[in-house]
């Protein structure tokens, strides 16, 4: 459990770094359009929620029998898809406050943090020695 919490923390940090980098780049490219920053904040918050949701429900699924665990994991995945759809719908409806481009790019933080994690782990082991 301790290792899973550390993994969650590292992934949340890397997703937050991705959100900040994306927001900075989009603010420069869009010449200070604050809706881009709003979209990045909305997407970044949803990304953090998705990571926590994944951690929580995988922890629950590990305590279940295989058939129920499979069903629980599928339901949790559909809930995460719903969270992403609602987040994108909100950014499309309130595009003057939260631009959809920023929201979409920061929602990719879940994937980016999973992709970057092996490099973080490798760097952490070198640093510990």
N, C-alpha and C. Protein backbone atom coordinates (compact mmCIF):
# COMPACT_ATOMS: atom_id res chain seq x y z
N UNK A 1 0.82 -1.19 0.00
CA UNK A 1 0.00 0.00 0.00
C UNK A 1 0.86 1.26 0.00
N UNK A 2 1.97 1.20 0.71
CA UNK A 2 2.86 2.35 0.78
C UNK A 2 3.42 2.66 -0.61
N UNK A 3 3.77 1.61 -1.35
CA UNK A 3 4.31 1.79 -2.69
C UNK A 3 3.25 2.38 -3.63
N UNK A 4 2.02 1.96 -3.49
CA UNK A 4 0.94 2.49 -4.33
C UNK A 4 0.69 3.96 -4.02
N UNK A 5 0.75 4.33 -2.75
CA UNK A 5 0.57 5.74 -2.39
C UNK A 5 1.71 6.59 -2.97
N UNK A 6 2.92 6.06 -2.92
CA UNK A 6 4.06 6.79 -3.48
C UNK A 6 3.90 6.95 -5.00
N UNK A 7 3.43 5.90 -5.64
CA UNK A 7 3.18 5.96 -7.07
C UNK A 7 2.12 7.02 -7.39
N UNK A 8 1.03 7.04 -6.62
CA UNK A 8 -0.01 8.04 -6.82
C UNK A 8 0.55 9.44 -6.65
N UNK A 9 1.33 9.65 -5.61
CA UNK A 9 1.92 10.97 -5.36
C UNK A 9 2.81 11.41 -6.52
N UNK A 10 3.66 10.50 -7.00
CA UNK A 10 4.55 10.83 -8.11
C UNK A 10 3.78 11.14 -9.38
N UNK A 11 2.73 10.36 -9.63
CA UNK A 11 1.92 10.60 -10.83
C UNK A 11 1.15 11.90 -10.74
N UNK A 12 0.66 12.23 -9.55
CA UNK A 12 -0.07 13.49 -9.38
C UNK A 12 0.88 14.69 -9.54
N UNK A 13 2.09 14.56 -9.04
CA UNK A 13 3.06 15.64 -9.20
C UNK A 13 3.42 15.82 -10.67
N UNK A 14 3.67 14.71 -11.36
CA UNK A 14 4.03 14.84 -12.78
C UNK A 14 2.86 15.37 -13.60
N UNK A 15 1.63 15.03 -13.24
CA UNK A 15 0.45 15.58 -13.93
C UNK A 15 0.32 17.08 -13.66
N UNK A 16 0.64 17.49 -12.43
CA UNK A 16 0.59 18.92 -12.11
C UNK A 16 1.66 19.69 -12.87
N UNK A 17 2.84 19.11 -12.99
CA UNK A 17 3.91 19.75 -13.77
C UNK A 17 3.48 19.87 -15.23
N UNK A 18 2.86 18.81 -15.77
CA UNK A 18 2.36 18.85 -17.14
C UNK A 18 1.32 19.96 -17.30
N UNK A 19 0.43 20.11 -16.32
CA UNK A 19 -0.60 21.15 -16.38
C UNK A 19 0.04 22.54 -16.42
N UNK A 20 1.02 22.77 -15.57
CA UNK A 20 1.69 24.08 -15.54
C UNK A 20 2.41 24.34 -16.85
N UNK A 21 3.15 23.36 -17.35
CA UNK A 21 3.87 23.54 -18.62
C UNK A 21 2.91 23.82 -19.77
N UNK A 22 1.83 23.08 -19.81
CA UNK A 22 0.83 23.28 -20.86
C UNK A 22 0.21 24.67 -20.76
N UNK A 23 -0.11 25.10 -19.55
CA UNK A 23 -0.71 26.42 -19.36
C UNK A 23 0.26 27.52 -19.81
N UNK A 24 1.52 27.39 -19.46
CA UNK A 24 2.50 28.42 -19.85
C UNK A 24 2.62 28.49 -21.37
N UNK A 25 2.76 27.34 -22.00
CA UNK A 25 2.89 27.32 -23.46
C UNK A 25 1.64 27.89 -24.13
N UNK A 26 0.47 27.49 -23.68
CA UNK A 26 -0.76 27.99 -24.28
C UNK A 26 -0.97 29.47 -24.03
N UNK A 27 -0.57 29.97 -22.87
CA UNK A 27 -0.69 31.40 -22.61
C UNK A 27 0.24 32.20 -23.51
N UNK A 28 1.42 31.67 -23.78
CA UNK A 28 2.35 32.37 -24.67
C UNK A 28 1.82 32.34 -26.10
N UNK A 29 1.38 31.18 -26.55
CA UNK A 29 0.90 31.03 -27.92
C UNK A 29 -0.37 31.84 -28.16
N UNK A 30 -1.26 31.87 -27.19
CA UNK A 30 -2.54 32.57 -27.36
C UNK A 30 -2.46 34.04 -26.95
N UNK A 31 -1.27 34.50 -26.64
CA UNK A 31 -1.03 35.91 -26.27
C UNK A 31 -1.86 36.35 -25.06
N UNK A 32 -1.81 35.55 -24.03
CA UNK A 32 -2.43 35.94 -22.77
C UNK A 32 -3.92 35.70 -22.66
N UNK A 33 -4.48 34.83 -23.46
CA UNK A 33 -5.90 34.51 -23.37
C UNK A 33 -6.14 33.74 -22.07
N UNK A 34 -6.81 34.36 -21.13
CA UNK A 34 -7.01 33.73 -19.83
C UNK A 34 -7.95 32.53 -19.88
N UNK A 35 -8.74 32.41 -20.93
CA UNK A 35 -9.59 31.23 -21.07
C UNK A 35 -8.73 29.97 -21.23
N UNK A 36 -7.55 30.13 -21.84
CA UNK A 36 -6.65 28.98 -21.95
C UNK A 36 -6.19 28.53 -20.57
N UNK A 37 -5.86 29.48 -19.71
CA UNK A 37 -5.46 29.14 -18.35
C UNK A 37 -6.62 28.49 -17.59
N UNK A 38 -7.82 29.01 -17.80
CA UNK A 38 -9.00 28.41 -17.16
C UNK A 38 -9.23 26.99 -17.62
N UNK A 39 -9.05 26.75 -18.92
CA UNK A 39 -9.18 25.39 -19.44
C UNK A 39 -8.13 24.46 -18.88
N UNK A 40 -6.91 24.99 -18.73
CA UNK A 40 -5.83 24.17 -18.15
C UNK A 40 -6.13 23.85 -16.68
N UNK A 41 -6.65 24.81 -15.95
CA UNK A 41 -7.00 24.56 -14.55
C UNK A 41 -8.12 23.52 -14.43
N UNK A 42 -9.13 23.64 -15.28
CA UNK A 42 -10.23 22.69 -15.26
C UNK A 42 -9.74 21.28 -15.62
N UNK A 43 -8.97 21.19 -16.69
CA UNK A 43 -8.44 19.89 -17.10
C UNK A 43 -7.47 19.31 -16.09
N UNK A 44 -6.63 20.18 -15.49
CA UNK A 44 -5.68 19.71 -14.48
C UNK A 44 -6.38 19.18 -13.24
N UNK A 45 -7.45 19.87 -12.83
CA UNK A 45 -8.21 19.40 -11.67
C UNK A 45 -8.88 18.06 -11.98
N UNK A 46 -9.43 17.94 -13.18
CA UNK A 46 -10.05 16.67 -13.57
C UNK A 46 -9.01 15.56 -13.66
N UNK A 47 -7.83 15.90 -14.13
CA UNK A 47 -6.73 14.91 -14.22
C UNK A 47 -6.36 14.39 -12.83
N UNK A 48 -6.25 15.29 -11.86
CA UNK A 48 -5.94 14.87 -10.49
C UNK A 48 -7.05 13.98 -9.94
N UNK A 49 -8.29 14.35 -10.21
CA UNK A 49 -9.42 13.54 -9.77
C UNK A 49 -9.40 12.16 -10.42
N UNK A 50 -9.07 12.09 -11.69
CA UNK A 50 -9.00 10.80 -12.39
C UNK A 50 -7.91 9.91 -11.82
N UNK A 51 -6.76 10.48 -11.52
CA UNK A 51 -5.67 9.69 -10.93
C UNK A 51 -6.06 9.14 -9.57
N UNK A 52 -6.67 9.99 -8.74
CA UNK A 52 -7.11 9.54 -7.42
C UNK A 52 -8.19 8.45 -7.56
N UNK A 53 -9.13 8.66 -8.47
CA UNK A 53 -10.21 7.70 -8.70
C UNK A 53 -9.64 6.34 -9.12
N UNK A 54 -8.66 6.37 -10.01
CA UNK A 54 -8.03 5.13 -10.47
C UNK A 54 -7.35 4.40 -9.31
N UNK A 55 -6.61 5.15 -8.49
CA UNK A 55 -5.94 4.56 -7.33
C UNK A 55 -6.95 3.94 -6.37
N UNK A 56 -8.00 4.67 -6.07
CA UNK A 56 -8.99 4.22 -5.10
C UNK A 56 -9.69 2.95 -5.56
N UNK A 57 -10.10 2.93 -6.81
CA UNK A 57 -10.89 1.78 -7.28
C UNK A 57 -10.03 0.57 -7.61
N UNK A 58 -8.79 0.78 -7.96
CA UNK A 58 -7.92 -0.39 -8.13
C UNK A 58 -7.60 -1.01 -6.78
N UNK A 59 -7.48 -0.18 -5.75
CA UNK A 59 -7.27 -0.70 -4.41
C UNK A 59 -8.47 -1.54 -3.96
N UNK A 60 -9.66 -1.08 -4.26
CA UNK A 60 -10.86 -1.83 -3.91
C UNK A 60 -10.92 -3.14 -4.70
N UNK A 61 -10.59 -3.08 -6.00
CA UNK A 61 -10.67 -4.26 -6.86
C UNK A 61 -9.70 -5.35 -6.42
N UNK A 62 -8.59 -4.98 -5.83
CA UNK A 62 -7.62 -5.98 -5.38
C UNK A 62 -8.16 -6.84 -4.23
N UNK A 63 -9.14 -6.33 -3.51
CA UNK A 63 -9.71 -7.07 -2.38
C UNK A 63 -10.90 -7.94 -2.79
N UNK A 64 -11.32 -7.88 -4.04
CA UNK A 64 -12.48 -8.62 -4.50
C UNK A 64 -12.07 -9.90 -5.21
N UNK A 65 -13.04 -10.82 -5.36
CA UNK A 65 -12.76 -12.02 -6.14
C UNK A 65 -12.65 -11.62 -7.61
N UNK A 66 -12.00 -12.45 -8.45
CA UNK A 66 -11.70 -12.05 -9.83
C UNK A 66 -12.89 -11.59 -10.67
N UNK A 67 -14.01 -12.26 -10.55
CA UNK A 67 -15.18 -11.89 -11.36
C UNK A 67 -15.72 -10.52 -10.94
N UNK A 68 -15.88 -10.34 -9.65
CA UNK A 68 -16.37 -9.04 -9.15
C UNK A 68 -15.35 -7.93 -9.38
N UNK A 69 -14.06 -8.27 -9.29
CA UNK A 69 -13.02 -7.27 -9.51
C UNK A 69 -13.03 -6.78 -10.96
N UNK A 70 -13.25 -7.70 -11.88
CA UNK A 70 -13.32 -7.33 -13.29
C UNK A 70 -14.49 -6.39 -13.55
N UNK A 71 -15.62 -6.73 -12.99
CA UNK A 71 -16.82 -5.88 -13.15
C UNK A 71 -16.62 -4.52 -12.49
N UNK A 72 -16.05 -4.51 -11.31
CA UNK A 72 -15.82 -3.25 -10.59
C UNK A 72 -14.85 -2.36 -11.37
N UNK A 73 -13.82 -2.95 -11.95
CA UNK A 73 -12.84 -2.19 -12.73
C UNK A 73 -13.49 -1.60 -13.98
N UNK A 74 -14.36 -2.35 -14.62
CA UNK A 74 -15.06 -1.86 -15.81
C UNK A 74 -15.99 -0.70 -15.47
N UNK A 75 -16.70 -0.82 -14.36
CA UNK A 75 -17.60 0.25 -13.94
C UNK A 75 -16.80 1.51 -13.59
N UNK A 76 -15.68 1.34 -12.90
CA UNK A 76 -14.85 2.48 -12.54
C UNK A 76 -14.28 3.15 -13.79
N UNK A 77 -13.90 2.37 -14.79
CA UNK A 77 -13.40 2.94 -16.04
C UNK A 77 -14.48 3.76 -16.74
N UNK A 78 -15.70 3.28 -16.71
CA UNK A 78 -16.81 4.03 -17.31
C UNK A 78 -17.08 5.32 -16.53
N UNK A 79 -16.93 5.27 -15.22
CA UNK A 79 -17.08 6.48 -14.42
C UNK A 79 -16.02 7.51 -14.79
N UNK A 80 -14.79 7.05 -15.00
CA UNK A 80 -13.72 7.97 -15.41
C UNK A 80 -14.00 8.57 -16.78
N UNK A 81 -14.53 7.76 -17.69
CA UNK A 81 -14.90 8.29 -19.01
C UNK A 81 -15.99 9.35 -18.86
N UNK A 82 -16.92 9.12 -17.95
CA UNK A 82 -17.96 10.10 -17.69
C UNK A 82 -17.40 11.39 -17.13
N UNK A 83 -16.45 11.28 -16.23
CA UNK A 83 -15.81 12.48 -15.67
C UNK A 83 -15.13 13.27 -16.78
N UNK A 84 -14.44 12.57 -17.67
CA UNK A 84 -13.77 13.27 -18.78
C UNK A 84 -14.79 13.92 -19.71
N UNK A 85 -15.89 13.23 -20.00
CA UNK A 85 -16.91 13.78 -20.89
C UNK A 85 -17.57 15.01 -20.29
N UNK A 86 -17.88 14.95 -19.01
CA UNK A 86 -18.50 16.11 -18.35
C UNK A 86 -17.53 17.29 -18.31
N UNK A 87 -16.27 17.01 -18.04
CA UNK A 87 -15.26 18.07 -18.01
C UNK A 87 -15.16 18.74 -19.37
N UNK A 88 -15.10 17.95 -20.42
CA UNK A 88 -15.01 18.51 -21.76
C UNK A 88 -16.29 19.26 -22.13
N UNK A 89 -17.44 18.74 -21.74
CA UNK A 89 -18.71 19.42 -22.03
C UNK A 89 -18.78 20.77 -21.32
N UNK A 90 -18.31 20.80 -20.09
CA UNK A 90 -18.30 22.07 -19.35
C UNK A 90 -17.39 23.08 -20.03
N UNK A 91 -16.22 22.61 -20.48
CA UNK A 91 -15.30 23.55 -21.13
C UNK A 91 -15.84 24.00 -22.48
N UNK A 92 -16.61 23.17 -23.15
CA UNK A 92 -17.20 23.59 -24.43
C UNK A 92 -18.36 24.55 -24.22
N UNK A 93 -19.10 24.36 -23.17
CA UNK A 93 -20.23 25.25 -22.89
C UNK A 93 -19.75 26.61 -22.38
N UNK A 94 -18.77 26.59 -21.49
CA UNK A 94 -18.22 27.82 -20.93
C UNK A 94 -16.86 28.14 -21.56
N UNK A 95 -16.78 28.10 -22.89
CA UNK A 95 -15.51 28.27 -23.58
C UNK A 95 -14.88 29.64 -23.37
N UNK A 96 -15.67 30.64 -23.03
CA UNK A 96 -15.09 31.97 -22.78
C UNK A 96 -14.34 32.01 -21.46
N UNK A 97 -14.56 31.04 -20.58
CA UNK A 97 -13.87 30.96 -19.29
C UNK A 97 -12.86 29.81 -19.23
N UNK A 98 -13.15 28.71 -19.92
CA UNK A 98 -12.28 27.54 -19.91
C UNK A 98 -12.22 26.98 -21.32
N UNK A 99 -11.17 27.32 -22.03
CA UNK A 99 -11.04 26.91 -23.43
C UNK A 99 -10.86 25.39 -23.54
N UNK A 100 -11.58 24.75 -24.46
CA UNK A 100 -11.49 23.29 -24.60
C UNK A 100 -10.09 22.78 -24.96
N UNK A 101 -9.31 23.55 -25.70
CA UNK A 101 -7.97 23.09 -26.06
C UNK A 101 -7.11 22.88 -24.81
N UNK A 102 -7.15 23.82 -23.89
CA UNK A 102 -6.41 23.67 -22.64
C UNK A 102 -6.91 22.50 -21.82
N UNK A 103 -8.21 22.30 -21.83
CA UNK A 103 -8.80 21.20 -21.08
C UNK A 103 -8.36 19.85 -21.65
N UNK A 104 -8.43 19.72 -22.96
CA UNK A 104 -8.05 18.45 -23.59
C UNK A 104 -6.58 18.14 -23.36
N UNK A 105 -5.73 19.15 -23.58
CA UNK A 105 -4.30 18.91 -23.42
C UNK A 105 -3.91 18.55 -21.99
N UNK A 106 -4.55 19.16 -21.01
CA UNK A 106 -4.21 18.83 -19.63
C UNK A 106 -4.85 17.52 -19.17
N UNK A 107 -5.95 17.11 -19.80
CA UNK A 107 -6.50 15.79 -19.48
C UNK A 107 -5.54 14.68 -19.91
N UNK A 108 -4.70 14.98 -20.89
CA UNK A 108 -3.68 14.01 -21.28
C UNK A 108 -2.63 13.84 -20.18
N UNK A 109 -2.71 14.61 -19.13
CA UNK A 109 -1.78 14.48 -18.01
C UNK A 109 -1.80 13.10 -17.39
N UNK A 110 -2.95 12.42 -17.44
CA UNK A 110 -3.04 11.06 -16.92
C UNK A 110 -2.10 10.15 -17.72
N UNK A 111 -2.16 10.28 -19.03
CA UNK A 111 -1.31 9.46 -19.90
C UNK A 111 0.16 9.87 -19.79
N UNK A 112 0.40 11.18 -19.74
CA UNK A 112 1.77 11.68 -19.66
C UNK A 112 2.42 11.21 -18.36
N UNK A 113 1.69 11.29 -17.25
CA UNK A 113 2.27 10.88 -15.97
C UNK A 113 2.58 9.39 -15.96
N UNK A 114 1.76 8.58 -16.62
CA UNK A 114 2.04 7.15 -16.71
C UNK A 114 3.25 6.89 -17.60
N UNK A 115 3.39 7.69 -18.65
CA UNK A 115 4.53 7.53 -19.56
C UNK A 115 5.84 7.97 -18.91
N UNK A 116 5.80 9.03 -18.12
CA UNK A 116 7.00 9.61 -17.51
C UNK A 116 7.43 8.85 -16.26
N UNK A 117 6.52 8.11 -15.64
CA UNK A 117 6.82 7.48 -14.36
C UNK A 117 8.05 6.56 -14.39
N UNK A 118 8.28 5.73 -15.41
CA UNK A 118 9.50 4.91 -15.40
C UNK A 118 10.78 5.75 -15.35
N UNK A 119 10.77 6.89 -16.00
CA UNK A 119 11.94 7.77 -15.96
C UNK A 119 12.13 8.37 -14.58
N UNK A 120 11.04 8.73 -13.92
CA UNK A 120 11.11 9.26 -12.56
C UNK A 120 11.62 8.18 -11.62
N UNK A 121 11.12 6.97 -11.78
CA UNK A 121 11.54 5.85 -10.93
C UNK A 121 13.03 5.57 -11.11
N UNK A 122 13.48 5.58 -12.35
CA UNK A 122 14.89 5.33 -12.65
C UNK A 122 15.78 6.42 -12.05
N UNK A 123 15.36 7.66 -12.17
CA UNK A 123 16.11 8.78 -11.62
C UNK A 123 16.13 8.73 -10.09
N UNK A 124 15.00 8.33 -9.50
CA UNK A 124 14.92 8.24 -8.05
C UNK A 124 15.83 7.17 -7.48
N UNK A 125 15.96 6.05 -8.18
CA UNK A 125 16.84 4.98 -7.71
C UNK A 125 18.30 5.39 -7.81
N UNK A 126 18.67 6.12 -8.85
CA UNK A 126 20.04 6.60 -8.99
C UNK A 126 20.36 7.60 -7.87
N UNK A 127 19.40 8.44 -7.58
CA UNK A 127 19.60 9.47 -6.57
C UNK A 127 19.71 8.86 -5.17
N UNK A 128 18.97 7.77 -4.92
CA UNK A 128 18.98 7.12 -3.61
C UNK A 128 20.33 6.45 -3.33
N UNK A 129 21.03 6.04 -4.38
CA UNK A 129 22.32 5.39 -4.18
C UNK A 129 23.37 6.38 -3.91
